Amino acid sequence: MSPQSHRRQAEEFGFISVEILGAVFLSFLVLVALMNIIVVQYGLGVVRAAADEGARSGARLNSGASATAACEARAADVLQSIGRLADASSGCTVDGDQVRSVVNVRFEPWFPGVPAVEEQIEGRSVLERPPLP
């Protein structure tokens, strides 16, 4: 082995590790971004379910006050399953013959500089009336 070829190998040693570190870093970046998207989509599904469940729960009762209370309790119960993933709040109203449940949610991104995801999701259900005798 000539001294020049040995010197060339010594100079090139370690160059590939920089490329591998860059590729690993970018791979982790993409993985975390995909995981964040999956978590937000899961959370939005839970919020949709909370709005629908709250409206359905309130629609089973005939009076406005008890329908609103049942709706808010059920929506809050379902929203507990997203835990610390998002800030969520719900509210219910009775509009005529419908129970309306509105859930506001805000997902904070895992990367600084990325805007937060904010949604307002609404669920409606028709009040159930007791059968006529």
N, C-alpha and C. Protein backbone atom coordinates (compact mmCIF):
# COMPACT_ATOMS: atom_id res chain seq x y z
N MET A 1 0.85 -1.17 0.00
CA MET A 1 0.00 0.00 0.00
C MET A 1 0.90 1.23 0.00
N SER A 2 0.65 2.14 -0.89
CA SER A 2 1.50 3.31 -1.01
C SER A 2 1.14 4.32 0.08
N PRO A 3 2.06 5.18 0.46
CA PRO A 3 1.79 6.19 1.49
C PRO A 3 0.68 7.15 1.07
N GLN A 4 0.56 7.43 -0.23
CA GLN A 4 -0.49 8.35 -0.68
C GLN A 4 -1.88 7.74 -0.51
N SER A 5 -2.03 6.49 -0.84
CA SER A 5 -3.35 5.86 -0.69
C SER A 5 -3.70 5.72 0.79
N HIS A 6 -2.71 5.47 1.62
CA HIS A 6 -2.98 5.38 3.06
C HIS A 6 -3.40 6.73 3.61
N ARG A 7 -2.78 7.81 3.14
CA ARG A 7 -3.13 9.16 3.58
C ARG A 7 -4.54 9.51 3.10
N ARG A 8 -4.88 9.12 1.88
CA ARG A 8 -6.21 9.42 1.34
C ARG A 8 -7.29 8.72 2.17
N GLN A 9 -7.04 7.48 2.56
CA GLN A 9 -8.01 6.76 3.39
C GLN A 9 -8.15 7.43 4.75
N ALA A 10 -7.07 7.93 5.32
CA ALA A 10 -7.13 8.60 6.61
C ALA A 10 -7.92 9.91 6.51
N GLU A 11 -7.79 10.62 5.39
CA GLU A 11 -8.51 11.88 5.22
C GLU A 11 -10.01 11.65 5.03
N GLU A 12 -10.39 10.57 4.38
CA GLU A 12 -11.79 10.29 4.10
C GLU A 12 -12.50 9.60 5.25
N PHE A 13 -11.76 9.15 6.22
CA PHE A 13 -12.34 8.44 7.34
C PHE A 13 -13.26 9.36 8.14
N GLY A 14 -14.49 8.93 8.42
CA GLY A 14 -15.44 9.70 9.21
C GLY A 14 -16.40 10.54 8.40
N PHE A 15 -16.18 10.67 7.12
CA PHE A 15 -17.07 11.49 6.30
C PHE A 15 -18.46 10.87 6.21
N ILE A 16 -18.54 9.57 6.12
CA ILE A 16 -19.83 8.90 5.97
C ILE A 16 -20.67 9.05 7.24
N SER A 17 -20.05 9.20 8.40
CA SER A 17 -20.80 9.35 9.64
C SER A 17 -21.60 10.65 9.66
N VAL A 18 -21.09 11.70 9.05
CA VAL A 18 -21.84 12.96 8.97
C VAL A 18 -23.09 12.77 8.13
N GLU A 19 -22.98 12.06 7.02
CA GLU A 19 -24.14 11.80 6.18
C GLU A 19 -25.17 10.94 6.91
N ILE A 20 -24.69 9.95 7.62
CA ILE A 20 -25.62 9.08 8.35
C ILE A 20 -26.33 9.87 9.45
N LEU A 21 -25.60 10.70 10.17
CA LEU A 21 -26.23 11.52 11.22
C LEU A 21 -27.28 12.45 10.63
N GLY A 22 -26.99 13.04 9.49
CA GLY A 22 -27.97 13.90 8.83
C GLY A 22 -29.21 13.14 8.41
N ALA A 23 -29.01 11.95 7.86
CA ALA A 23 -30.15 11.13 7.43
C ALA A 23 -30.99 10.68 8.63
N VAL A 24 -30.34 10.30 9.72
CA VAL A 24 -31.07 9.88 10.92
C VAL A 24 -31.84 11.06 11.50
N PHE A 25 -31.22 12.22 11.55
CA PHE A 25 -31.90 13.41 12.07
C PHE A 25 -33.14 13.74 11.23
N LEU A 26 -33.00 13.74 9.91
CA LEU A 26 -34.15 14.02 9.06
C LEU A 26 -35.22 12.95 9.18
N SER A 27 -34.81 11.70 9.35
CA SER A 27 -35.79 10.62 9.53
C SER A 27 -36.58 10.81 10.81
N PHE A 28 -35.91 11.18 11.90
CA PHE A 28 -36.61 11.44 13.14
C PHE A 28 -37.54 12.64 13.02
N LEU A 29 -37.12 13.65 12.31
CA LEU A 29 -37.95 14.82 12.09
C LEU A 29 -39.24 14.45 11.36
N VAL A 30 -39.12 13.67 10.31
CA VAL A 30 -40.29 13.22 9.56
C VAL A 30 -41.17 12.32 10.42
N LEU A 31 -40.57 11.43 11.20
CA LEU A 31 -41.33 10.54 12.07
C LEU A 31 -42.14 11.32 13.10
N VAL A 32 -41.53 12.31 13.74
CA VAL A 32 -42.24 13.11 14.73
C VAL A 32 -43.36 13.91 14.08
N ALA A 33 -43.13 14.43 12.88
CA ALA A 33 -44.18 15.17 12.18
C ALA A 33 -45.36 14.25 11.85
N LEU A 34 -45.08 13.05 11.38
CA LEU A 34 -46.16 12.09 11.10
C LEU A 34 -46.91 11.69 12.36
N MET A 35 -46.18 11.48 13.43
CA MET A 35 -46.83 11.13 14.70
C MET A 35 -47.73 12.28 15.18
N ASN A 36 -47.28 13.52 15.00
CA ASN A 36 -48.09 14.66 15.40
C ASN A 36 -49.37 14.72 14.58
N ILE A 37 -49.28 14.45 13.29
CA ILE A 37 -50.48 14.44 12.43
C ILE A 37 -51.44 13.34 12.87
N ILE A 38 -50.92 12.18 13.18
CA ILE A 38 -51.76 11.07 13.63
C ILE A 38 -52.46 11.41 14.95
N VAL A 39 -51.73 12.00 15.88
CA VAL A 39 -52.31 12.36 17.17
C VAL A 39 -53.41 13.41 17.00
N VAL A 40 -53.19 14.40 16.15
CA VAL A 40 -54.21 15.43 15.91
C VAL A 40 -55.46 14.81 15.27
N GLN A 41 -55.27 13.91 14.31
CA GLN A 41 -56.42 13.27 13.68
C GLN A 41 -57.20 12.41 14.68
N TYR A 42 -56.49 11.70 15.54
CA TYR A 42 -57.15 10.92 16.60
C TYR A 42 -57.93 11.85 17.53
N GLY A 43 -57.30 12.93 17.93
CA GLY A 43 -57.95 13.89 18.83
C GLY A 43 -59.19 14.50 18.20
N LEU A 44 -59.14 14.83 16.91
CA LEU A 44 -60.32 15.38 16.24
C LEU A 44 -61.45 14.35 16.18
N GLY A 45 -61.11 13.09 16.03
CA GLY A 45 -62.12 12.04 16.07
C GLY A 45 -62.79 11.95 17.44
N VAL A 46 -61.99 12.08 18.50
CA VAL A 46 -62.55 12.06 19.85
C VAL A 46 -63.45 13.27 20.07
N VAL A 47 -63.05 14.42 19.55
CA VAL A 47 -63.86 15.63 19.72
C VAL A 47 -65.18 15.49 18.97
N ARG A 48 -65.14 14.93 17.75
CA ARG A 48 -66.39 14.69 17.01
C ARG A 48 -67.31 13.75 17.78
N ALA A 49 -66.72 12.70 18.34
CA ALA A 49 -67.51 11.75 19.12
C ALA A 49 -68.10 12.42 20.36
N ALA A 50 -67.33 13.29 21.01
CA ALA A 50 -67.83 13.99 22.20
C ALA A 50 -69.01 14.88 21.85
N ALA A 51 -68.92 15.60 20.74
CA ALA A 51 -70.03 16.47 20.34
C ALA A 51 -71.28 15.64 20.01
N ASP A 52 -71.10 14.56 19.28
CA ASP A 52 -72.25 13.71 18.93
C ASP A 52 -72.84 13.01 20.14
N GLU A 53 -71.98 12.46 20.99
CA GLU A 53 -72.46 11.76 22.19
C GLU A 53 -73.19 12.72 23.13
N GLY A 54 -72.65 13.93 23.28
CA GLY A 54 -73.31 14.90 24.14
C GLY A 54 -74.70 15.26 23.62
N ALA A 55 -74.80 15.52 22.33
CA ALA A 55 -76.10 15.88 21.75
C ALA A 55 -77.08 14.71 21.87
N ARG A 56 -76.63 13.50 21.61
CA ARG A 56 -77.53 12.33 21.72
C ARG A 56 -77.98 12.11 23.15
N SER A 57 -77.06 12.31 24.09
CA SER A 57 -77.40 12.11 25.50
C SER A 57 -78.42 13.14 25.97
N GLY A 58 -78.27 14.38 25.54
CA GLY A 58 -79.23 15.42 25.91
C GLY A 58 -80.57 15.25 25.23
N ALA A 59 -80.58 14.66 24.05
CA ALA A 59 -81.83 14.51 23.31
C ALA A 59 -82.77 13.49 23.94
N ARG A 60 -82.27 12.65 24.81
CA ARG A 60 -83.12 11.65 25.45
C ARG A 60 -84.03 12.24 26.51
N LEU A 61 -83.70 13.46 26.97
CA LEU A 61 -84.49 14.10 28.02
C LEU A 61 -85.36 15.18 27.42
N ASN A 62 -86.51 15.43 28.02
CA ASN A 62 -87.48 16.37 27.44
C ASN A 62 -87.27 17.81 27.89
N SER A 63 -86.86 18.05 29.11
CA SER A 63 -86.75 19.43 29.58
C SER A 63 -85.43 20.04 29.15
N GLY A 64 -85.44 21.34 28.93
CA GLY A 64 -84.26 22.03 28.43
C GLY A 64 -83.09 22.01 29.39
N ALA A 65 -83.36 22.25 30.69
CA ALA A 65 -82.27 22.32 31.67
C ALA A 65 -81.61 20.96 31.87
N SER A 66 -82.42 19.93 31.99
CA SER A 66 -81.83 18.61 32.21
C SER A 66 -81.15 18.09 30.93
N ALA A 67 -81.68 18.44 29.76
CA ALA A 67 -81.05 18.03 28.50
C ALA A 67 -79.69 18.71 28.35
N THR A 68 -79.61 19.98 28.70
CA THR A 68 -78.34 20.71 28.62
C THR A 68 -77.33 20.13 29.59
N ALA A 69 -77.76 19.83 30.81
CA ALA A 69 -76.84 19.28 31.82
C ALA A 69 -76.34 17.89 31.40
N ALA A 70 -77.24 17.05 30.89
CA ALA A 70 -76.84 15.71 30.46
C ALA A 70 -75.89 15.79 29.27
N CYS A 71 -76.17 16.70 28.36
CA CYS A 71 -75.32 16.88 27.18
C CYS A 71 -73.92 17.31 27.58
N GLU A 72 -73.81 18.30 28.45
CA GLU A 72 -72.49 18.79 28.87
C GLU A 72 -71.72 17.74 29.66
N ALA A 73 -72.44 16.98 30.51
CA ALA A 73 -71.77 15.94 31.30
C ALA A 73 -71.21 14.85 30.40
N ARG A 74 -72.00 14.40 29.42
CA ARG A 74 -71.54 13.33 28.53
C ARG A 74 -70.39 13.81 27.64
N ALA A 75 -70.48 15.02 27.11
CA ALA A 75 -69.39 15.56 26.28
C ALA A 75 -68.11 15.68 27.08
N ALA A 76 -68.19 16.16 28.31
CA ALA A 76 -67.00 16.28 29.16
C ALA A 76 -66.42 14.91 29.48
N ASP A 77 -67.30 13.93 29.68
CA ASP A 77 -66.83 12.57 29.97
C ASP A 77 -66.04 11.99 28.78
N VAL A 78 -66.54 12.20 27.57
CA VAL A 78 -65.84 11.69 26.38
C VAL A 78 -64.54 12.45 26.15
N LEU A 79 -64.54 13.75 26.42
CA LEU A 79 -63.33 14.57 26.21
C LEU A 79 -62.19 14.20 27.15
N GLN A 80 -62.49 13.52 28.24
CA GLN A 80 -61.43 13.10 29.15
C GLN A 80 -60.47 12.13 28.49
N SER A 81 -60.91 11.44 27.45
CA SER A 81 -60.05 10.44 26.82
C SER A 81 -58.90 11.05 26.01
N ILE A 82 -58.97 12.34 25.67
CA ILE A 82 -57.83 12.93 24.98
C ILE A 82 -56.81 13.48 25.96
N GLY A 83 -57.17 13.57 27.21
CA GLY A 83 -56.22 13.94 28.26
C GLY A 83 -55.49 15.24 27.97
N ARG A 84 -54.15 15.17 28.00
CA ARG A 84 -53.33 16.37 27.82
C ARG A 84 -52.97 16.63 26.37
N LEU A 85 -53.55 15.89 25.44
CA LEU A 85 -53.23 16.11 24.03
C LEU A 85 -53.73 17.45 23.52
N ALA A 86 -54.81 17.96 24.12
CA ALA A 86 -55.41 19.19 23.61
C ALA A 86 -56.16 19.90 24.72
N ASP A 87 -56.41 21.18 24.50
CA ASP A 87 -57.28 21.96 25.37
C ASP A 87 -58.66 21.95 24.72
N ALA A 88 -59.66 21.42 25.43
CA ALA A 88 -60.99 21.31 24.85
C ALA A 88 -62.02 21.80 25.85
N SER A 89 -63.05 22.45 25.32
CA SER A 89 -64.18 22.89 26.14
C SER A 89 -65.46 22.64 25.35
N SER A 90 -66.53 22.35 26.08
CA SER A 90 -67.79 22.06 25.41
C SER A 90 -68.92 22.86 26.04
N GLY A 91 -69.95 23.06 25.25
CA GLY A 91 -71.15 23.74 25.71
C GLY A 91 -72.35 23.20 24.97
N CYS A 92 -73.49 23.20 25.63
CA CYS A 92 -74.70 22.66 25.02
C CYS A 92 -75.85 23.64 25.17
N THR A 93 -76.72 23.64 24.19
CA THR A 93 -77.93 24.45 24.22
C THR A 93 -79.07 23.64 23.63
N VAL A 94 -80.29 24.04 23.98
CA VAL A 94 -81.48 23.45 23.38
C VAL A 94 -82.10 24.53 22.50
N ASP A 95 -82.14 24.26 21.19
CA ASP A 95 -82.71 25.20 20.22
C ASP A 95 -83.99 24.59 19.65
N GLY A 96 -85.12 25.01 20.18
CA GLY A 96 -86.38 24.47 19.69
C GLY A 96 -86.49 22.99 20.00
N ASP A 97 -86.49 22.17 18.97
CA ASP A 97 -86.60 20.73 19.18
C ASP A 97 -85.27 20.01 18.99
N GLN A 98 -84.16 20.76 19.02
CA GLN A 98 -82.83 20.16 18.84
C GLN A 98 -81.92 20.47 20.02
N VAL A 99 -81.06 19.51 20.32
CA VAL A 99 -79.99 19.73 21.29
C VAL A 99 -78.73 19.95 20.47
N ARG A 100 -78.04 21.03 20.77
CA ARG A 100 -76.84 21.41 20.02
C ARG A 100 -75.64 21.38 20.97
N SER A 101 -74.64 20.61 20.60
CA SER A 101 -73.42 20.50 21.39
C SER A 101 -72.26 21.08 20.57
N VAL A 102 -71.52 22.01 21.16
CA VAL A 102 -70.39 22.64 20.48
C VAL A 102 -69.13 22.38 21.31
N VAL A 103 -68.10 21.84 20.64
CA VAL A 103 -66.83 21.56 21.31
C VAL A 103 -65.74 22.37 20.61
N ASN A 104 -65.03 23.18 21.38
CA ASN A 104 -63.88 23.93 20.88
C ASN A 104 -62.62 23.22 21.34
N VAL A 105 -61.69 23.02 20.43
CA VAL A 105 -60.46 22.30 20.76
C VAL A 105 -59.27 23.01 20.14
N ARG A 106 -58.13 22.92 20.84
CA ARG A 106 -56.88 23.50 20.34
C ARG A 106 -55.76 22.50 20.60
N PHE A 107 -55.10 22.09 19.51
CA PHE A 107 -53.96 21.18 19.59
C PHE A 107 -52.69 21.98 19.41
N GLU A 108 -51.80 21.87 20.38
CA GLU A 108 -50.50 22.53 20.29
C GLU A 108 -49.55 21.63 19.51
N PRO A 109 -48.80 22.18 18.57
CA PRO A 109 -47.86 21.36 17.80
C PRO A 109 -46.65 20.96 18.64
N TRP A 110 -45.95 19.94 18.20
CA TRP A 110 -44.75 19.48 18.90
C TRP A 110 -43.50 20.20 18.41
N PHE A 111 -43.62 20.95 17.33
CA PHE A 111 -42.49 21.71 16.81
C PHE A 111 -42.72 23.19 17.07
N PRO A 112 -41.72 23.92 17.52
CA PRO A 112 -41.89 25.37 17.66
C PRO A 112 -42.01 26.02 16.28
N GLY A 113 -42.84 27.02 16.21
CA GLY A 113 -43.02 27.73 14.95
C GLY A 113 -44.14 27.21 14.08
N VAL A 114 -44.66 26.03 14.38
CA VAL A 114 -45.77 25.47 13.62
C VAL A 114 -47.08 25.97 14.26
N PRO A 115 -48.03 26.45 13.47
CA PRO A 115 -49.25 26.97 14.07
C PRO A 115 -50.09 25.87 14.72
N ALA A 116 -50.82 26.26 15.75
CA ALA A 116 -51.70 25.33 16.46
C ALA A 116 -52.92 25.01 15.59
N VAL A 117 -53.50 23.86 15.85
CA VAL A 117 -54.72 23.44 15.15
C VAL A 117 -55.90 23.75 16.06
N GLU A 118 -56.80 24.61 15.58
CA GLU A 118 -57.99 24.97 16.34
C GLU A 118 -59.22 24.59 15.54
N GLU A 119 -60.17 23.94 16.20
CA GLU A 119 -61.40 23.51 15.54
C GLU A 119 -62.58 23.77 16.45
N GLN A 120 -63.72 23.99 15.82
CA GLN A 120 -64.99 24.05 16.54
C GLN A 120 -65.90 23.02 15.87
N ILE A 121 -66.28 22.01 16.62
CA ILE A 121 -67.06 20.92 16.07
C ILE A 121 -68.42 20.91 16.76
N GLU A 122 -69.45 20.72 15.95
CA GLU A 122 -70.82 20.81 16.44
C GLU A 122 -71.54 19.48 16.22
N GLY A 123 -72.33 19.11 17.22
CA GLY A 123 -73.19 17.93 17.11
C GLY A 123 -74.62 18.34 17.39
N ARG A 124 -75.55 17.78 16.65
CA ARG A 124 -76.97 18.08 16.85
C ARG A 124 -77.77 16.80 16.92
N SER A 125 -78.82 16.86 17.70
CA SER A 125 -79.73 15.72 17.78
C SER A 125 -81.13 16.25 18.10
N VAL A 126 -82.14 15.61 17.55
CA VAL A 126 -83.53 16.02 17.77
C VAL A 126 -83.99 15.49 19.12
N LEU A 127 -84.67 16.36 19.88
CA LEU A 127 -85.21 15.94 21.18
C LEU A 127 -86.20 14.80 21.00
N GLU A 128 -86.06 13.80 21.82
CA GLU A 128 -87.01 12.69 21.77
C GLU A 128 -88.23 13.06 22.57
N ARG A 129 -89.37 12.84 22.01
CA ARG A 129 -90.64 13.11 22.69
C ARG A 129 -91.21 11.79 23.19
N PRO A 130 -91.87 11.83 24.35
CA PRO A 130 -92.48 10.60 24.83
C PRO A 130 -93.62 10.18 23.90
N PRO A 131 -93.85 8.90 23.78
CA PRO A 131 -94.94 8.44 22.90
C PRO A 131 -96.30 8.90 23.41
N LEU A 132 -97.17 9.21 22.49
CA LEU A 132 -98.53 9.62 22.86
C LEU A 132 -99.31 8.41 23.36
N PRO A 133 -100.16 8.62 24.40
CA PRO A 133 -100.93 7.48 24.92
C PRO A 133 -102.03 7.06 23.97
